[in-house]
Amino acid sequence: MAKTSKKDPKNFDFEAALAELESLVSGMEEGDLTLEESLAAFEKGIKLTRECQQALKAAEQKVQILVSENGNTEPLEFAADDEESD
């Protein structure tokens, strides 16, 4: 398996990375991993955390660009999920 030095941000799946990170944390919390497995999980978790942070930063930059291009925006009020009724 060849590693690429740069990942294409368009192919990054934030939700999948977050789910994998949650799975790693759960596995480590259970305490059934060996030291080597725990270190590998920790290393992978750090990598996933950094990738998620980069994706969030890129999304924030896109939002800032859109706001600056389209002028002032007005805040919208959203009902909380528990307040909605069908």
Protein backbone atom coordinates (compact mmCIF):
# COMPACT_ATOMS: atom_id res chain seq x y z
CA MET A 1 0.00 0.00 0.00
CA ALA A 2 1.60 3.26 -1.14
CA LYS A 3 1.25 6.38 0.97
CA THR A 4 0.72 9.72 -0.66
CA SER A 5 2.42 12.74 0.82
CA LYS A 6 -0.57 14.99 0.29
CA LYS A 7 -4.19 13.98 0.56
CA ASP A 8 -6.79 15.48 -1.73
CA PRO A 9 -9.08 17.47 0.59
CA LYS A 10 -11.98 16.83 -1.79
CA ASN A 11 -11.73 13.10 -1.04
CA PHE A 12 -11.56 13.55 2.75
CA ASP A 13 -14.67 12.18 4.47
CA PHE A 14 -15.00 14.12 7.71
CA GLU A 15 -17.84 12.02 9.09
CA ALA A 16 -16.00 8.75 8.39
CA ALA A 17 -12.83 10.09 10.02
CA LEU A 18 -14.80 11.21 13.07
CA ALA A 19 -16.52 7.82 13.34
CA GLU A 20 -13.15 6.06 13.09
CA LEU A 21 -11.74 8.36 15.77
CA GLU A 22 -14.67 7.55 18.07
CA SER A 23 -14.10 3.84 17.44
CA LEU A 24 -10.41 4.17 18.32
CA VAL A 25 -11.23 6.00 21.55
CA SER A 26 -13.81 3.36 22.50
CA GLY A 27 -11.31 0.57 21.84
CA MET A 28 -8.68 2.27 23.97
CA GLU A 29 -11.14 2.94 26.79
CA GLU A 30 -12.10 -0.73 26.96
CA GLY A 31 -8.54 -1.54 27.95
CA ASP A 32 -8.32 -4.77 25.94
CA LEU A 33 -5.52 -3.53 23.65
CA THR A 34 -1.87 -4.39 24.08
CA LEU A 35 0.60 -1.57 24.62
CA GLU A 36 1.64 -1.73 20.96
CA GLU A 37 -2.00 -1.69 19.80
CA SER A 38 -2.76 1.23 22.11
CA LEU A 39 0.20 3.21 20.78
CA ALA A 40 -0.83 2.50 17.19
CA ALA A 41 -4.43 3.52 17.95
CA PHE A 42 -3.20 6.70 19.67
CA GLU A 43 -0.97 7.56 16.70
CA LYS A 44 -3.82 7.00 14.25
CA GLY A 45 -6.13 9.06 16.46
CA ILE A 46 -3.71 11.99 16.45
CA LYS A 47 -3.49 11.79 12.66
CA LEU A 48 -7.27 11.70 12.30
CA THR A 49 -7.65 14.61 14.73
CA ARG A 50 -5.24 16.72 12.70
CA GLU A 51 -7.01 15.84 9.44
CA CYS A 52 -10.39 16.76 10.96
CA GLN A 53 -9.00 20.04 12.27
CA GLN A 54 -7.64 20.87 8.81
CA ALA A 55 -10.99 20.06 7.21
CA LEU A 56 -12.82 22.27 9.71
CA LYS A 57 -10.37 25.11 9.12
CA ALA A 58 -10.82 24.82 5.36
CA ALA A 59 -14.61 24.85 5.77
CA GLU A 60 -14.38 27.94 8.00
CA GLN A 61 -12.24 29.69 5.38
CA LYS A 62 -14.79 28.86 2.67
CA VAL A 63 -17.59 30.29 4.80
CA GLN A 64 -15.58 33.47 5.43
CA ILE A 65 -14.95 33.85 1.70
CA LEU A 66 -18.61 33.35 0.87
CA VAL A 67 -19.68 35.88 3.50
CA SER A 68 -17.16 38.45 2.31
CA GLU A 69 -18.20 37.94 -1.34
CA ASN A 70 -21.92 38.18 -0.60
CA GLY A 71 -21.85 41.02 1.89
CA ASN A 72 -23.60 41.13 5.22
CA THR A 73 -25.71 38.24 6.32
CA GLU A 74 -28.54 38.07 8.78
CA PRO A 75 -28.58 35.39 11.46
CA LEU A 76 -31.27 32.78 11.05
CA GLU A 77 -33.13 31.31 13.97
CA PHE A 78 -33.23 27.53 14.03
CA ALA A 79 -35.52 25.49 16.22
CA ALA A 80 -33.75 22.87 18.29
CA ASP A 81 -34.45 19.26 17.31
CA ASP A 82 -36.49 18.70 20.46
CA GLU A 83 -38.67 21.75 19.71
CA GLU A 84 -39.71 20.56 16.26
CA SER A 85 -42.94 18.66 15.95
CA ASP A 86 -44.44 16.99 12.89
